[in-house]
């Protein structure tokens, strides 16, 4: 086989760069699907009449290629299913009529990663022990804002802002060996940034037999045209739920299915939702005859959202809802926070006069002592307690 080869080799880097009969390998644009990546490769087809095909060799070690793909006489190939966050190395060679391969072409290096707006992504550009020599890494001037790389370890990090939601970003990092000035290469880094969305269902306290509303609040890094959430819904305690949309959401629906309340909201394509705000509310009526004040947690069973171009939000964080139904008997709930280290109680009770009692031991015989009397004016009320005693128990009595 006739071949024109210009090559340079570094034992320390374990690299061979070779141009063979016009066979020079380069990366095209790649596309991401969840945590795997697809890389298009291309080269100039040889004019040598003895060449009958080409092979692409690739793997995660630049010194040993574990995969080979015969591509016939094509001048391009697409490699799919590459693991995100792992560097991959590619070379190509031609094959003649006798089945003899040419030397390898130049080597190209690729690494892909998924990210979400507002979340950090970090990875190393080369596997550990790749070179016995210290290497140097340098970002291009057109790298996305906020990308940084350790110049000696090749550890790249980025926390993309909202402006990068639903974008694909290519970074060509220059890698060199200070000991061998004529040896170096460029690694193509692809980072696909998805959208980030936070969905929150509010908390509300409602007397038994009355109506209440749960606000639905969204904070999105990009536009939103449709939104769906599924809540675990206690249908025997929260009755007759209805959905009301807030602009720019113009339509919505509720469905009960296997204990789940599924809410769907849509905007028009011409006026999507963006930023933060309330997107709707769920109205309901609480069941009557509640002897106590039960806490109804409404955890999410699933959620999804799409941007105006149809892209799905991959990073959706949710905060569940909470409903307290105030019944005939009061319920006490202790409260504590870093900002308020003292003792406080949230009292869920019907309006009226109450006596708070306390004891320092529940070992019989238990002696309860009056703490103070107070007037409950709302379905939920906070009372402040004396925190001098190390251990204390409380109960409430309606007068």
Protein backbone atom coordinates (compact mmCIF):
# COMPACT_ATOMS: atom_id res chain seq x y z
CA UNK A 1 0.00 0.00 0.00
CA UNK A 2 1.30 3.41 -0.86
CA UNK A 3 1.13 5.74 2.08
CA UNK A 4 2.52 9.14 2.86
CA UNK A 5 3.21 9.39 6.57
CA UNK A 6 4.38 12.27 8.67
CA UNK A 7 4.50 11.24 12.31
CA UNK A 8 5.98 12.18 15.63
CA UNK A 9 6.07 9.95 18.67
CA UNK A 10 6.37 10.56 22.40
CA UNK A 11 7.10 7.57 24.55
CA UNK A 12 6.09 9.56 27.60
CA UNK A 13 2.75 10.51 26.08
CA UNK A 14 2.31 7.22 24.28
CA UNK A 15 1.01 9.08 21.23
CA UNK A 16 1.53 8.68 17.50
CA UNK A 17 0.17 11.35 15.16
CA UNK A 18 0.25 10.26 11.54
CA UNK A 19 -1.15 11.60 8.26
CA UNK A 20 -1.59 8.74 5.81
CA UNK A 21 -2.56 9.21 2.21
CA UNK A 22 -4.86 12.10 3.08
CA UNK A 23 -6.42 10.11 5.93
CA UNK A 24 -6.68 12.76 8.59
CA UNK A 25 -9.29 12.17 11.27
CA UNK A 26 -11.35 14.96 12.78
CA UNK A 27 -14.37 15.30 15.06
CA UNK A 28 -17.68 16.69 13.87
CA UNK A 29 -20.55 17.92 15.95
CA UNK A 30 -21.85 15.40 18.42
CA UNK A 31 -25.20 14.92 20.07
CA UNK A 32 -26.14 13.81 23.55
CA UNK A 33 -28.88 11.48 24.73
CA UNK A 34 -29.18 11.33 28.50
CA UNK A 35 -25.85 10.02 29.86
CA UNK A 36 -24.46 8.71 26.52
CA UNK A 37 -22.95 10.56 23.61
CA UNK A 38 -22.65 10.16 19.85
CA UNK A 39 -19.55 11.33 17.99
CA UNK A 40 -19.36 11.83 14.21
CA UNK A 41 -15.90 11.32 12.68
CA UNK A 42 -14.77 12.19 9.17
CA UNK A 43 -11.70 11.98 6.93
CA UNK A 44 -10.67 12.62 3.35
CA UNK A 45 -11.14 9.53 1.19
CA UNK A 46 -7.85 8.33 -0.31
CA UNK A 47 -7.26 8.51 -4.07
CA UNK A 48 -5.16 5.33 -3.85
CA UNK A 49 -6.89 2.66 -6.02
CA UNK A 50 -5.65 -0.12 -3.73
CA UNK A 51 -7.68 1.19 -0.77
CA UNK A 52 -10.91 -0.81 -0.37
CA UNK A 53 -12.11 0.40 3.02
CA UNK A 54 -11.47 2.09 6.33
CA UNK A 55 -11.52 1.15 10.01
CA UNK A 56 -12.05 3.27 13.08
CA UNK A 57 -10.39 2.16 16.30
CA UNK A 58 -11.42 3.65 19.63
CA UNK A 59 -11.41 3.15 23.38
CA UNK A 60 -10.89 4.84 26.72
CA UNK A 61 -7.11 4.33 26.73
CA UNK A 62 -4.97 6.16 24.19
CA UNK A 63 -2.44 3.32 24.21
CA UNK A 64 -4.86 0.47 23.60
CA UNK A 65 -7.98 0.61 21.43
CA UNK A 66 -10.58 -1.93 22.51
CA UNK A 67 -13.11 -1.36 19.72
CA UNK A 68 -12.86 -1.44 15.94
CA UNK A 69 -15.51 -0.49 13.40
CA UNK A 70 -15.21 -1.34 9.70
CA UNK A 71 -16.93 1.41 7.70
CA UNK A 72 -16.37 0.28 4.08
CA UNK A 73 -15.38 3.00 1.65
CA UNK A 74 -17.20 5.75 3.54
CA UNK A 75 -15.38 8.89 4.51
CA UNK A 76 -17.26 9.25 7.77
CA UNK A 77 -18.47 7.20 10.72
CA UNK A 78 -20.67 7.76 13.75
CA UNK A 79 -19.83 6.20 17.11
CA UNK A 80 -22.78 6.01 19.50
CA UNK A 81 -23.28 5.02 23.12
CA UNK A 82 -20.17 6.69 24.54
CA UNK A 83 -20.25 7.06 28.30
CA UNK A 84 -20.47 10.60 29.61
CA UNK A 85 -17.60 11.91 31.69
CA UNK A 86 -15.10 9.44 30.21
CA UNK A 87 -12.43 10.45 27.66
CA UNK A 88 -12.47 8.47 24.40
CA UNK A 89 -9.64 8.15 21.88
CA UNK A 90 -10.11 7.60 18.13
CA UNK A 91 -7.82 6.71 15.22
CA UNK A 92 -8.52 5.48 11.68
CA UNK A 93 -6.68 3.43 9.09
CA UNK A 94 -7.27 2.33 5.52
CA UNK A 95 -7.30 -1.29 4.32
CA UNK A 96 -5.98 -2.46 0.92
CA UNK A 97 -7.11 -5.33 -1.34
CA UNK A 98 -4.84 -7.76 0.45
CA UNK A 99 -6.43 -6.90 3.75
CA UNK A 100 -3.37 -5.09 5.05
CA UNK A 101 -4.03 -2.03 7.21
CA UNK A 102 -2.18 1.24 6.94
CA UNK A 103 -0.61 2.89 9.98
CA UNK A 104 -3.01 4.77 12.17
CA UNK A 105 -4.07 8.31 11.36
CA UNK A 106 -3.75 11.12 13.85
CA UNK A 107 -5.56 10.54 17.13
CA UNK A 108 -8.48 12.64 18.27
CA UNK A 109 -9.76 12.78 21.83
CA UNK A 110 -13.32 13.46 22.95
CA UNK A 111 -15.16 13.69 26.27
CA UNK A 112 -18.83 14.52 26.75
CA UNK A 113 -20.76 15.50 29.84
CA UNK A 114 -24.30 16.40 30.84
CA UNK A 115 -24.99 19.40 33.04
CA UNK A 116 -27.91 21.45 34.29
CA UNK A 117 -28.22 25.19 34.65
CA UNK A 118 -27.15 26.21 38.14
CA UNK A 119 -25.53 22.86 38.95
CA UNK A 120 -21.79 22.13 38.89
CA UNK A 121 -20.21 19.62 36.52
CA UNK A 122 -16.65 18.39 37.09
CA UNK A 123 -14.44 15.80 35.41
CA UNK A 124 -10.85 15.02 34.39
CA UNK A 125 -9.90 15.32 30.74
CA UNK A 126 -7.50 12.35 30.73
CA UNK A 127 -7.49 9.06 32.66
CA UNK A 128 -5.16 8.70 35.67
CA UNK A 129 -1.62 7.67 34.73
CA UNK A 130 -2.09 8.70 31.12
CA UNK A 131 1.36 10.30 30.99
CA UNK A 132 4.50 9.87 33.05
CA UNK A 133 5.39 13.45 32.16
CA UNK A 134 3.57 16.42 33.66
CA UNK A 135 1.13 17.86 31.15
CA UNK A 136 -0.22 21.38 30.71
CA UNK A 137 -3.85 22.23 29.93
CA UNK A 138 -5.13 25.48 28.47
CA UNK A 139 -8.66 26.64 27.70
CA UNK A 140 -9.44 28.46 24.45
CA UNK A 141 -10.31 32.13 24.58
CA UNK A 142 -13.88 31.41 23.46
CA UNK A 143 -14.64 29.00 26.29
CA UNK A 144 -18.06 29.56 27.91
CA UNK A 145 -18.14 32.01 30.79
CA UNK A 146 -17.26 30.46 34.11
CA UNK A 147 -15.45 27.37 32.80
CA UNK A 148 -12.18 26.71 34.61
CA UNK A 149 -9.48 24.09 34.30
CA UNK A 150 -6.57 23.14 36.52
CA UNK A 151 -3.57 23.75 34.24
CA UNK A 152 -1.57 20.87 35.70
CA UNK A 153 -4.20 18.20 36.47
CA UNK A 154 -6.67 18.79 33.63
CA UNK A 155 -9.59 18.85 36.05
CA UNK A 156 -12.36 20.89 34.41
CA UNK A 157 -15.28 22.44 36.28
CA UNK A 158 -18.24 24.59 35.32
CA UNK A 159 -21.45 25.81 36.83
CA UNK A 160 -23.43 27.05 33.84
CA UNK A 161 -25.86 29.89 34.41
CA UNK A 162 -29.45 30.04 33.22
CA UNK A 163 -28.35 31.61 29.93
CA UNK A 164 -26.81 28.25 28.95
CA UNK A 165 -30.03 26.26 29.47
CA UNK A 166 -30.69 23.84 26.59
CA UNK A 167 -27.40 24.57 24.85
CA UNK A 168 -24.59 22.36 23.55
CA UNK A 169 -21.13 23.74 24.21
CA UNK A 170 -17.86 22.64 22.59
CA UNK A 171 -14.51 23.45 24.20
CA UNK A 172 -11.23 22.57 22.47
CA UNK A 173 -8.70 22.22 25.28
CA UNK A 174 -5.03 22.40 24.30
CA UNK A 175 -2.86 19.75 25.99
CA UNK A 176 0.94 19.95 25.80
CA UNK A 177 4.03 18.37 27.28
CA UNK A 178 6.47 21.03 28.55
CA UNK A 179 9.38 18.61 28.10
CA UNK A 180 8.55 17.95 24.46
CA UNK A 181 7.52 21.20 22.85
CA UNK A 182 6.65 19.56 19.51
CA UNK A 183 4.20 17.10 21.07
CA UNK A 184 0.67 18.19 21.85
CA UNK A 185 -2.93 17.70 20.90
CA UNK A 186 -6.40 19.13 21.39
CA UNK A 187 -9.19 17.39 23.25
CA UNK A 188 -12.76 18.23 22.29
CA UNK A 189 -15.04 18.68 25.28
CA UNK A 190 -18.79 18.71 24.75
CA UNK A 191 -21.06 19.80 27.59
CA UNK A 192 -24.80 19.57 27.01
CA UNK A 193 -26.63 21.84 29.45
CA UNK A 194 -30.22 21.05 30.28
CA UNK A 195 -32.78 23.25 31.95
CA UNK A 196 -33.28 23.49 35.70
CA UNK A 197 -36.74 23.83 37.21
CA UNK A 198 -37.98 23.98 40.80
CA UNK A 199 -41.61 23.15 41.48
CA UNK A 200 -43.18 23.82 44.85
CA UNK A 201 -46.60 23.00 46.26
CA UNK A 202 -47.50 25.25 49.16
CA UNK A 203 -48.60 24.56 52.73
CA UNK A 204 -51.96 25.50 54.21
CA UNK A 205 -53.94 25.05 57.43
CA UNK A 206 -57.69 24.55 56.97
CA UNK A 207 -60.46 23.85 59.52
CA UNK A 208 -62.38 20.63 58.94
CA UNK A 209 -65.27 21.05 56.53
CA UNK A 210 -63.93 24.25 54.96
CA UNK A 211 -62.16 25.06 51.70
CA UNK A 212 -58.46 25.63 51.14
CA UNK A 213 -56.01 26.38 48.34
CA UNK A 214 -52.52 25.11 47.56
CA UNK A 215 -50.43 27.47 45.41
CA UNK A 216 -48.24 25.95 42.69
CA UNK A 217 -44.99 27.90 42.30
CA UNK A 218 -42.31 27.41 39.64
CA UNK A 219 -38.80 28.77 39.19
CA UNK A 220 -37.30 27.89 35.78
CA UNK A 221 -33.95 28.59 34.15
CA UNK A 222 -35.60 28.90 30.70
CA UNK A 223 -39.04 29.07 29.15
CA UNK A 224 -41.84 26.65 30.08
CA UNK A 225 -44.82 25.83 27.88
CA UNK A 226 -46.28 22.80 29.64
CA UNK A 227 -45.99 21.35 33.09
CA UNK A 228 -47.26 18.18 34.72
CA UNK A 229 -47.07 16.95 38.30
CA UNK A 230 -48.47 13.96 40.14
CA UNK A 231 -49.23 14.23 43.86
CA UNK A 232 -50.10 11.51 46.34
CA UNK A 233 -53.56 12.74 47.25
CA UNK A 234 -55.65 11.59 50.29
CA UNK A 235 -59.02 11.70 48.52
CA UNK A 236 -60.91 10.76 51.72
CA UNK A 237 -59.65 13.90 53.50
CA UNK A 238 -59.15 16.43 50.69
CA UNK A 239 -62.34 16.48 48.63
CA UNK A 240 -63.37 17.88 45.24
CA UNK A 241 -60.02 19.25 44.03
CA UNK A 242 -60.08 21.77 41.19
CA UNK A 243 -57.29 23.47 39.27
CA UNK A 244 -57.05 27.17 38.47
CA UNK A 245 -54.29 28.40 36.13
CA UNK A 246 -52.37 31.66 36.48
CA UNK A 247 -51.18 33.65 33.46
CA UNK A 248 -49.45 32.92 31.16
CA UNK A 249 -50.80 29.38 31.67
CA UNK A 250 -54.12 29.37 29.88
CA UNK A 251 -55.41 25.81 30.27
CA UNK A 252 -55.10 22.91 32.63
CA UNK A 253 -56.68 19.70 33.87
CA UNK A 254 -56.85 17.45 36.94
CA UNK A 255 -57.17 13.67 36.96
CA UNK A 256 -57.42 11.19 39.82
CA UNK A 257 -55.63 7.95 39.02
CA UNK A 258 -54.63 5.20 41.49
CA UNK A 259 -54.41 7.55 44.44
CA UNK A 260 -52.56 10.22 42.45
CA UNK A 261 -53.79 13.67 41.59
CA UNK A 262 -52.29 14.54 38.19
CA UNK A 263 -52.23 18.22 37.26
CA UNK A 264 -51.38 19.43 33.76
CA UNK A 265 -50.89 23.09 32.77
CA UNK A 266 -50.17 24.64 29.37
CA UNK A 267 -49.29 28.03 27.93
CA UNK A 268 -49.47 29.13 24.34
CA UNK A 269 -46.28 28.76 22.28
CA UNK A 270 -46.29 32.51 21.69
CA UNK A 271 -46.34 33.35 25.40
CA UNK A 272 -44.39 30.81 27.48
CA UNK A 273 -43.70 31.10 31.19
CA UNK A 274 -40.24 32.21 32.32
CA UNK A 275 -38.56 33.15 35.56
CA UNK A 276 -40.32 32.55 38.88
CA UNK A 277 -43.88 32.86 40.04
CA UNK A 278 -47.17 31.18 40.81
CA UNK A 279 -48.51 29.13 37.89
CA UNK A 280 -51.78 28.01 39.43
CA UNK A 281 -53.51 26.66 42.51
CA UNK A 282 -55.38 23.56 43.63
CA UNK A 283 -58.60 24.29 45.52
CA UNK A 284 -60.24 21.62 47.69
CA UNK A 285 -62.58 21.05 50.64
CA UNK A 286 -61.53 19.28 53.82
CA UNK A 287 -63.60 16.42 55.22
CA UNK A 288 -65.81 17.06 58.21
CA UNK A 289 -65.76 15.17 61.50
CA UNK A 290 -62.00 15.17 62.06
CA UNK A 291 -61.42 14.37 65.77
CA UNK A 292 -57.75 15.40 65.59
CA UNK A 293 -55.78 17.71 63.34
CA UNK A 294 -54.09 15.37 60.84
CA UNK A 295 -51.10 16.45 58.78
CA UNK A 296 -51.57 15.52 55.12
CA UNK A 297 -48.24 15.42 53.31
CA UNK A 298 -48.49 15.62 49.54
CA UNK A 299 -45.24 14.17 48.16
CA UNK A 300 -44.58 14.17 44.44
CA UNK A 301 -44.96 10.94 42.53
CA UNK A 302 -43.62 12.48 39.32
CA UNK A 303 -43.20 15.71 37.41
CA UNK A 304 -42.15 16.93 33.98
CA UNK A 305 -41.83 20.19 32.05
CA UNK A 306 -40.92 21.32 28.55
CA UNK A 307 -39.36 24.46 27.13
CA UNK A 308 -40.82 26.37 24.21
CA UNK A 309 -38.70 24.39 21.70
CA UNK A 310 -39.98 21.09 23.10
CA UNK A 311 -36.84 20.29 25.10
CA UNK A 312 -37.58 18.45 28.32
CA UNK A 313 -36.28 19.69 31.65
CA UNK A 314 -33.94 17.01 32.97
CA UNK A 315 -33.25 18.61 36.34
CA UNK A 316 -36.59 19.09 38.10
CA UNK A 317 -36.49 19.57 41.86
CA UNK A 318 -39.71 19.44 43.83
CA UNK A 319 -40.91 20.52 47.25
CA UNK A 320 -43.97 18.61 48.46
CA UNK A 321 -47.14 20.21 49.70
CA UNK A 322 -48.65 20.10 53.17
CA UNK A 323 -52.18 20.41 54.46
CA UNK A 324 -53.15 20.44 58.14
CA UNK A 325 -56.83 19.82 58.78
CA UNK A 326 -57.84 21.38 62.09
CA UNK A 327 -60.33 19.12 63.86
CA UNK A 328 -62.24 19.19 67.14
CA UNK A 329 -59.19 18.43 69.28
CA UNK A 330 -56.00 20.52 69.19
CA UNK A 331 -52.67 19.26 67.93
CA UNK A 332 -49.27 20.50 69.14
CA UNK A 333 -46.22 20.62 66.91
CA UNK A 334 -42.77 21.65 68.27
CA UNK A 335 -40.80 24.19 66.23
CA UNK A 336 -37.08 24.90 66.22
CA UNK A 337 -34.71 26.71 63.90
CA UNK A 338 -31.22 28.21 63.92
CA UNK A 339 -32.67 31.71 63.89
CA UNK A 340 -34.94 30.90 66.86
CA UNK A 341 -33.22 28.46 69.24
CA UNK A 342 -35.89 28.95 71.92
CA UNK A 343 -38.91 26.72 72.44
CA UNK A 344 -42.03 27.39 70.44
CA UNK A 345 -45.12 25.35 69.65
CA UNK A 346 -47.38 25.52 66.65
CA UNK A 347 -50.91 24.93 67.92
CA UNK A 348 -53.50 23.66 65.44
CA UNK A 349 -56.90 24.18 67.03
CA UNK A 350 -60.32 25.71 66.55
CA UNK A 351 -60.64 29.27 67.92
CA UNK A 352 -61.32 29.43 71.64
CA UNK A 353 -59.75 29.59 75.12
CA UNK A 354 -57.06 27.03 76.02
CA UNK A 355 -54.90 26.04 78.99
CA UNK A 356 -51.36 24.79 78.36
CA UNK A 357 -50.03 22.21 80.85
CA UNK A 358 -46.54 20.80 81.31
CA UNK A 359 -44.63 18.09 83.17
CA UNK A 360 -40.96 17.18 83.44
CA UNK A 361 -41.50 13.41 83.59
CA UNK A 362 -43.89 10.88 82.13
CA UNK A 363 -43.07 8.28 84.78
CA UNK A 364 -46.13 7.44 86.87
CA UNK A 365 -47.52 9.11 88.80
CA UNK A 366 -47.43 11.99 86.30
CA UNK A 367 -48.01 15.44 87.72
CA UNK A 368 -49.22 18.08 85.25
CA UNK A 369 -48.84 21.76 86.11
CA UNK A 370 -50.48 24.75 84.45
CA UNK A 371 -48.18 26.87 82.30
CA UNK A 372 -50.53 29.60 81.08
CA UNK A 373 -53.89 30.23 79.45
CA UNK A 374 -54.28 31.92 76.09
CA UNK A 375 -56.82 32.71 73.37
CA UNK A 376 -56.59 30.82 70.05
CA UNK A 377 -57.74 33.23 67.34
CA UNK A 378 -56.61 31.36 64.19
CA UNK A 379 -56.55 27.78 63.01
CA UNK A 380 -52.78 27.77 63.58
CA UNK A 381 -51.01 29.84 66.20
CA UNK A 382 -47.47 29.97 67.62
CA UNK A 383 -46.85 30.11 71.35
CA UNK A 384 -43.48 30.80 72.99
CA UNK A 385 -42.40 28.63 75.92
CA UNK A 386 -40.00 28.88 78.85
CA UNK A 387 -36.83 27.05 77.82
CA UNK A 388 -35.25 27.03 81.31
CA UNK A 389 -36.09 23.35 81.99
CA UNK A 390 -33.93 20.78 80.15
CA UNK A 391 -36.77 18.30 79.55
CA UNK A 392 -40.43 19.21 79.44
CA UNK A 393 -43.64 17.76 77.99
CA UNK A 394 -46.76 19.76 77.07
CA UNK A 395 -50.44 19.17 76.50
CA UNK A 396 -53.34 21.49 75.72
CA UNK A 397 -56.85 21.66 77.15
CA UNK A 398 -59.75 23.68 75.80
CA UNK A 399 -61.52 25.67 78.50
